[in-house]
């Protein structure tokens, strides 16, 4: 992952969650993305931990 393009922004207050629609085949999914402003992890740290946990559990990437 190229982390040089990741930017952080100071959040001055609650923001609207990001909403979008994702279509997979003939099914459309409404997706809502939100972030906890009080978290101690960065997004990169969270993703790295999820990948490590999946690898430790022995789960393959394409199953």
PDB file of N, CA and C in Angstrom:
ATOM      1  N   UNK A   1       0.836  -1.170   0.000  1.00  0.00           N
ATOM      2  CA  UNK A   1       0.000   0.000   0.000  1.00  0.00           C
ATOM      3  C   UNK A   1       0.883   1.236   0.000  1.00  0.00           C
ATOM      4  N   UNK A   2       0.544   2.172  -0.844  1.00  0.00           N
ATOM      5  CA  UNK A   2       1.295   3.419  -0.923  1.00  0.00           C
ATOM      6  C   UNK A   2       0.699   4.413   0.065  1.00  0.00           C
ATOM      7  N   UNK A   3       1.342   4.557   1.222  1.00  0.00           N
ATOM      8  CA  UNK A   3       0.797   5.426   2.262  1.00  0.00           C
ATOM      9  C   UNK A   3       1.142   6.885   2.046  1.00  0.00           C
ATOM     10  N   UNK A   4       1.966   7.191   1.056  1.00  0.00           N
ATOM     11  CA  UNK A   4       2.332   8.584   0.832  1.00  0.00           C
ATOM     12  C   UNK A   4       1.147   9.401   0.337  1.00  0.00           C
ATOM     13  N   UNK A   5       0.120   8.746  -0.219  1.00  0.00           N
ATOM     14  CA  UNK A   5      -1.040   9.459  -0.727  1.00  0.00           C
ATOM     15  C   UNK A   5      -2.163   9.575   0.295  1.00  0.00           C
ATOM     16  N   UNK A   6      -1.994   8.957   1.463  1.00  0.00           N
ATOM     17  CA  UNK A   6      -3.015   9.032   2.498  1.00  0.00           C
ATOM     18  C   UNK A   6      -2.865  10.366   3.224  1.00  0.00           C
ATOM     19  N   UNK A   7      -3.974  11.070   3.326  1.00  0.00           N
ATOM     20  CA  UNK A   7      -3.950  12.362   4.008  1.00  0.00           C
ATOM     21  C   UNK A   7      -4.852  12.305   5.220  1.00  0.00           C
ATOM     22  N   UNK A   8      -4.499  13.050   6.228  1.00  0.00           N
ATOM     23  CA  UNK A   8      -5.351  13.136   7.398  1.00  0.00           C
ATOM     24  C   UNK A   8      -5.977  14.521   7.443  1.00  0.00           C
ATOM     25  N   UNK A   9      -7.157  14.586   7.968  1.00  0.00           N
ATOM     26  CA  UNK A   9      -7.865  15.862   8.070  1.00  0.00           C
ATOM     27  C   UNK A   9      -8.353  16.028   9.497  1.00  0.00           C
ATOM     28  N   UNK A  10      -8.268  17.242   9.984  1.00  0.00           N
ATOM     29  CA  UNK A  10      -8.782  17.527  11.309  1.00  0.00           C
ATOM     30  C   UNK A  10     -10.299  17.649  11.208  1.00  0.00           C
ATOM     31  N   UNK A  11     -10.983  16.922  12.061  1.00  0.00           N
ATOM     32  CA  UNK A  11     -12.440  16.963  12.062  1.00  0.00           C
ATOM     33  C   UNK A  11     -12.881  17.925  13.146  1.00  0.00           C
ATOM     34  N   UNK A  12     -13.628  18.929  12.753  1.00  0.00           N
ATOM     35  CA  UNK A  12     -14.072  19.946  13.695  1.00  0.00           C
ATOM     36  C   UNK A  12     -15.367  19.577  14.396  1.00  0.00           C
ATOM     37  N   UNK A  13     -16.031  18.583  13.957  1.00  0.00           N
ATOM     38  CA  UNK A  13     -17.291  18.167  14.560  1.00  0.00           C
ATOM     39  C   UNK A  13     -17.846  16.978  13.803  1.00  0.00           C
ATOM     40  N   UNK A  14     -19.010  16.511  14.212  1.00  0.00           N
ATOM     41  CA  UNK A  14     -19.602  15.366  13.520  1.00  0.00           C
ATOM     42  C   UNK A  14     -19.853  15.689  12.049  1.00  0.00           C
ATOM     43  N   UNK A  15     -19.572  14.732  11.211  1.00  0.00           N
ATOM     44  CA  UNK A  15     -19.795  14.897   9.782  1.00  0.00           C
ATOM     45  C   UNK A  15     -20.779  13.841   9.316  1.00  0.00           C
ATOM     46  N   UNK A  16     -21.430  14.137   8.209  1.00  0.00           N
ATOM     47  CA  UNK A  16     -22.337  13.165   7.618  1.00  0.00           C
ATOM     48  C   UNK A  16     -21.542  11.951   7.157  1.00  0.00           C
ATOM     49  N   UNK A  17     -22.053  10.742   7.393  1.00  0.00           N
ATOM     50  CA  UNK A  17     -21.375   9.566   6.867  1.00  0.00           C
ATOM     51  C   UNK A  17     -21.391   9.578   5.343  1.00  0.00           C
ATOM     52  N   UNK A  18     -20.400   8.951   4.758  1.00  0.00           N
ATOM     53  CA  UNK A  18     -20.320   8.831   3.304  1.00  0.00           C
ATOM     54  C   UNK A  18     -21.297   7.732   2.866  1.00  0.00           C
ATOM     55  N   UNK A  19     -22.137   8.029   1.866  1.00  0.00           N
ATOM     56  CA  UNK A  19     -23.104   7.062   1.370  1.00  0.00           C
ATOM     57  C   UNK A  19     -22.908   6.864  -0.132  1.00  0.00           C
ATOM     58  N   UNK A  20     -22.976   5.601  -0.567  1.00  0.00           N
ATOM     59  CA  UNK A  20     -22.910   5.316  -1.991  1.00  0.00           C
ATOM     60  C   UNK A  20     -23.588   3.985  -2.270  1.00  0.00           C
ATOM     61  N   UNK A  21     -23.833   3.712  -3.527  1.00  0.00           N
ATOM     62  CA  UNK A  21     -24.458   2.460  -3.945  1.00  0.00           C
ATOM     63  C   UNK A  21     -23.435   1.646  -4.725  1.00  0.00           C
ATOM     64  N   UNK A  22     -23.335   0.376  -4.393  1.00  0.00           N
ATOM     65  CA  UNK A  22     -22.411  -0.538  -5.067  1.00  0.00           C
ATOM     66  C   UNK A  22     -23.224  -1.653  -5.690  1.00  0.00           C
ATOM     67  N   UNK A  23     -23.039  -1.898  -6.983  1.00  0.00           N
ATOM     68  CA  UNK A  23     -23.778  -2.946  -7.674  1.00  0.00           C
ATOM     69  C   UNK A  23     -22.855  -4.139  -7.907  1.00  0.00           C
ATOM     70  N   UNK A  24     -23.306  -5.308  -7.473  1.00  0.00           N
ATOM     71  CA  UNK A  24     -22.609  -6.569  -7.719  1.00  0.00           C
ATOM     72  C   UNK A  24     -23.584  -7.483  -8.441  1.00  0.00           C
ATOM     73  N   UNK A  25     -23.334  -7.711  -9.723  1.00  0.00           N
ATOM     74  CA  UNK A  25     -24.267  -8.481 -10.530  1.00  0.00           C
ATOM     75  C   UNK A  25     -25.564  -7.704 -10.667  1.00  0.00           C
ATOM     76  N   UNK A  26     -26.676  -8.349 -10.333  1.00  0.00           N
ATOM     77  CA  UNK A  26     -27.967  -7.673 -10.436  1.00  0.00           C
ATOM     78  C   UNK A  26     -28.449  -7.126  -9.095  1.00  0.00           C
ATOM     79  N   UNK A  27     -27.582  -7.181  -8.074  1.00  0.00           N
ATOM     80  CA  UNK A  27     -27.956  -6.698  -6.749  1.00  0.00           C
ATOM     81  C   UNK A  27     -27.263  -5.378  -6.468  1.00  0.00           C
ATOM     82  N   UNK A  28     -28.021  -4.402  -5.986  1.00  0.00           N
ATOM     83  CA  UNK A  28     -27.469  -3.103  -5.610  1.00  0.00           C
ATOM     84  C   UNK A  28     -27.458  -3.006  -4.085  1.00  0.00           C
ATOM     85  N   UNK A  29     -26.326  -2.606  -3.531  1.00  0.00           N
ATOM     86  CA  UNK A  29     -26.167  -2.463  -2.092  1.00  0.00           C
ATOM     87  C   UNK A  29     -25.994  -0.987  -1.755  1.00  0.00           C
ATOM     88  N   UNK A  30     -26.718  -0.505  -0.762  1.00  0.00           N
ATOM     89  CA  UNK A  30     -26.506   0.851  -0.256  1.00  0.00           C
ATOM     90  C   UNK A  30     -25.483   0.753   0.861  1.00  0.00           C
ATOM     91  N   UNK A  31     -24.399   1.497   0.750  1.00  0.00           N
ATOM     92  CA  UNK A  31     -23.286   1.421   1.685  1.00  0.00           C
ATOM     93  C   UNK A  31     -23.169   2.745   2.431  1.00  0.00           C
ATOM     94  N   UNK A  32     -23.018   2.666   3.742  1.00  0.00           N
ATOM     95  CA  UNK A  32     -22.806   3.849   4.567  1.00  0.00           C
ATOM     96  C   UNK A  32     -21.471   3.665   5.286  1.00  0.00           C
ATOM     97  N   UNK A  33     -20.581   4.628   5.132  1.00  0.00           N
ATOM     98  CA  UNK A  33     -19.260   4.568   5.744  1.00  0.00           C
ATOM     99  C   UNK A  33     -19.178   5.651   6.806  1.00  0.00           C
ATOM    100  N   UNK A  34     -18.762   5.273   7.999  1.00  0.00           N
ATOM    101  CA  UNK A  34     -18.589   6.258   9.063  1.00  0.00           C
ATOM    102  C   UNK A  34     -17.367   5.881   9.885  1.00  0.00           C
ATOM    103  N   UNK A  35     -16.820   6.837  10.577  1.00  0.00           N
ATOM    104  CA  UNK A  35     -15.604   6.634  11.355  1.00  0.00           C
ATOM    105  C   UNK A  35     -15.822   7.138  12.771  1.00  0.00           C
ATOM    106  N   UNK A  36     -15.246   6.464  13.730  1.00  0.00           N
ATOM    107  CA  UNK A  36     -15.323   6.880  15.116  1.00  0.00           C
ATOM    108  C   UNK A  36     -14.279   7.979  15.344  1.00  0.00           C
ATOM    109  N   UNK A  37     -14.696   9.188  15.683  1.00  0.00           N
ATOM    110  CA  UNK A  37     -13.722  10.264  15.879  1.00  0.00           C
ATOM    111  C   UNK A  37     -12.849  10.072  17.114  1.00  0.00           C
ATOM    112  N   UNK A  38     -13.236   9.168  18.021  1.00  0.00           N
ATOM    113  CA  UNK A  38     -12.469   8.946  19.251  1.00  0.00           C
ATOM    114  C   UNK A  38     -11.527   7.761  19.170  1.00  0.00           C
ATOM    115  N   UNK A  39     -11.344   7.196  17.981  1.00  0.00           N
ATOM    116  CA  UNK A  39     -10.504   6.012  17.837  1.00  0.00           C
ATOM    117  C   UNK A  39      -9.037   6.326  18.124  1.00  0.00           C
ATOM    118  N   UNK A  40      -8.318   5.330  18.546  1.00  0.00           N
ATOM    119  CA  UNK A  40      -6.890   5.479  18.839  1.00  0.00           C
ATOM    120  C   UNK A  40      -6.030   5.026  17.649  1.00  0.00           C
ATOM    121  N   UNK A  41      -6.639   4.286  16.698  1.00  0.00           N
ATOM    122  CA  UNK A  41      -5.917   3.750  15.538  1.00  0.00           C
ATOM    123  C   UNK A  41      -6.106   4.646  14.319  1.00  0.00           C
ATOM    124  N   UNK A  42      -5.127   4.615  13.443  1.00  0.00           N
ATOM    125  CA  UNK A  42      -5.319   5.209  12.116  1.00  0.00           C
ATOM    126  C   UNK A  42      -5.936   4.131  11.229  1.00  0.00           C
ATOM    127  N   UNK A  43      -6.444   4.518  10.083  1.00  0.00           N
ATOM    128  CA  UNK A  43      -7.020   3.546   9.155  1.00  0.00           C
ATOM    129  C   UNK A  43      -5.966   2.524   8.737  1.00  0.00           C
ATOM    130  N   UNK A  44      -4.744   2.976   8.487  1.00  0.00           N
ATOM    131  CA  UNK A  44      -3.669   2.069   8.087  1.00  0.00           C
ATOM    132  C   UNK A  44      -3.342   1.049   9.160  1.00  0.00           C
ATOM    133  N   UNK A  45      -3.313   1.487  10.420  1.00  0.00           N
ATOM    134  CA  UNK A  45      -3.046   0.570  11.527  1.00  0.00           C
ATOM    135  C   UNK A  45      -4.156  -0.467  11.661  1.00  0.00           C
ATOM    136  N   UNK A  46      -5.386  -0.041  11.502  1.00  0.00           N
ATOM    137  CA  UNK A  46      -6.527  -0.943  11.588  1.00  0.00           C
ATOM    138  C   UNK A  46      -6.467  -2.003  10.483  1.00  0.00           C
ATOM    139  N   UNK A  47      -6.201  -1.581   9.264  1.00  0.00           N
ATOM    140  CA  UNK A  47      -6.124  -2.515   8.134  1.00  0.00           C
ATOM    141  C   UNK A  47      -4.979  -3.499   8.329  1.00  0.00           C
ATOM    142  N   UNK A  48      -3.832  -3.004   8.764  1.00  0.00           N
ATOM    143  CA  UNK A  48      -2.689  -3.890   9.002  1.00  0.00           C
ATOM    144  C   UNK A  48      -3.023  -4.929  10.073  1.00  0.00           C
ATOM    145  N   UNK A  49      -3.712  -4.516  11.129  1.00  0.00           N
ATOM    146  CA  UNK A  49      -4.089  -5.456  12.182  1.00  0.00           C
ATOM    147  C   UNK A  49      -5.078  -6.491  11.651  1.00  0.00           C
ATOM    148  N   UNK A  50      -6.041  -6.068  10.838  1.00  0.00           N
ATOM    149  CA  UNK A  50      -6.997  -7.018  10.261  1.00  0.00           C
ATOM    150  C   UNK A  50      -6.286  -8.045   9.379  1.00  0.00           C
ATOM    151  N   UNK A  51      -5.333  -7.595   8.570  1.00  0.00           N
ATOM    152  CA  UNK A  51      -4.578  -8.505   7.705  1.00  0.00           C
ATOM    153  C   UNK A  51      -3.758  -9.486   8.545  1.00  0.00           C
ATOM    154  N   UNK A  52      -3.080  -8.987   9.581  1.00  0.00           N
ATOM    155  CA  UNK A  52      -2.297  -9.873  10.461  1.00  0.00           C
ATOM    156  C   UNK A  52      -3.193 -10.915  11.124  1.00  0.00           C
ATOM    157  N   UNK A  53      -4.363 -10.493  11.609  1.00  0.00           N
ATOM    158  CA  UNK A  53      -5.271 -11.430  12.273  1.00  0.00           C
ATOM    159  C   UNK A  53      -5.788 -12.492  11.313  1.00  0.00           C
ATOM    160  N   UNK A  54      -6.099 -12.091  10.076  1.00  0.00           N
ATOM    161  CA  UNK A  54      -6.558 -13.060   9.077  1.00  0.00           C
ATOM    162  C   UNK A  54      -5.439 -14.045   8.745  1.00  0.00           C
ATOM    163  N   UNK A  55      -4.216 -13.544   8.606  1.00  0.00           N
ATOM    164  CA  UNK A  55      -3.078 -14.421   8.296  1.00  0.00           C
ATOM    165  C   UNK A  55      -2.823 -15.394   9.461  1.00  0.00           C
ATOM    166  N   UNK A  56      -2.919 -14.904  10.688  1.00  0.00           N
ATOM    167  CA  UNK A  56      -2.699 -15.759  11.852  1.00  0.00           C
ATOM    168  C   UNK A  56      -3.775 -16.834  11.966  1.00  0.00           C
ATOM    169  N   UNK A  57      -4.973 -16.519  11.508  1.00  0.00           N
ATOM    170  CA  UNK A  57      -6.074 -17.488  11.555  1.00  0.00           C
ATOM    171  C   UNK A  57      -5.975 -18.492  10.409  1.00  0.00           C
ATOM    172  N   UNK A  58      -5.032 -18.260   9.476  1.00  0.00           N
ATOM    173  CA  UNK A  58      -4.820 -19.187   8.382  1.00  0.00           C
ATOM    174  C   UNK A  58      -5.832 -19.063   7.264  1.00  0.00           C
ATOM    175  N   UNK A  59      -6.464 -17.919   7.159  1.00  0.00           N
ATOM    176  CA  UNK A  59      -7.463 -17.722   6.114  1.00  0.00           C
ATOM    177  C   UNK A  59      -6.783 -17.257   4.837  1.00  0.00           C
ATOM    178  N   UNK A  60      -7.143 -17.873   3.728  1.00  0.00           N
ATOM    179  CA  UNK A  60      -6.577 -17.491   2.433  1.00  0.00           C
ATOM    180  C   UNK A  60      -7.287 -16.248   1.919  1.00  0.00           C
ATOM    181  N   UNK A  61      -6.607 -15.483   1.077  1.00  0.00           N
ATOM    182  CA  UNK A  61      -7.149 -14.222   0.566  1.00  0.00           C
ATOM    183  C   UNK A  61      -8.273 -14.438  -0.430  1.00  0.00           C
ATOM    184  N   UNK A  62      -8.248 -15.510  -1.199  1.00  0.00           N
ATOM    185  CA  UNK A  62      -9.234 -15.694  -2.275  1.00  0.00           C
ATOM    186  C   UNK A  62     -10.169 -16.870  -2.034  1.00  0.00           C
ATOM    187  N   UNK A  63     -10.665 -17.023  -0.846  1.00  0.00           N
ATOM    188  CA  UNK A  63     -11.604 -18.130  -0.599  1.00  0.00           C
ATOM    189  C   UNK A  63     -13.002 -17.635  -0.561  1.00  0.00           C
TER     190      UNK A  63
END
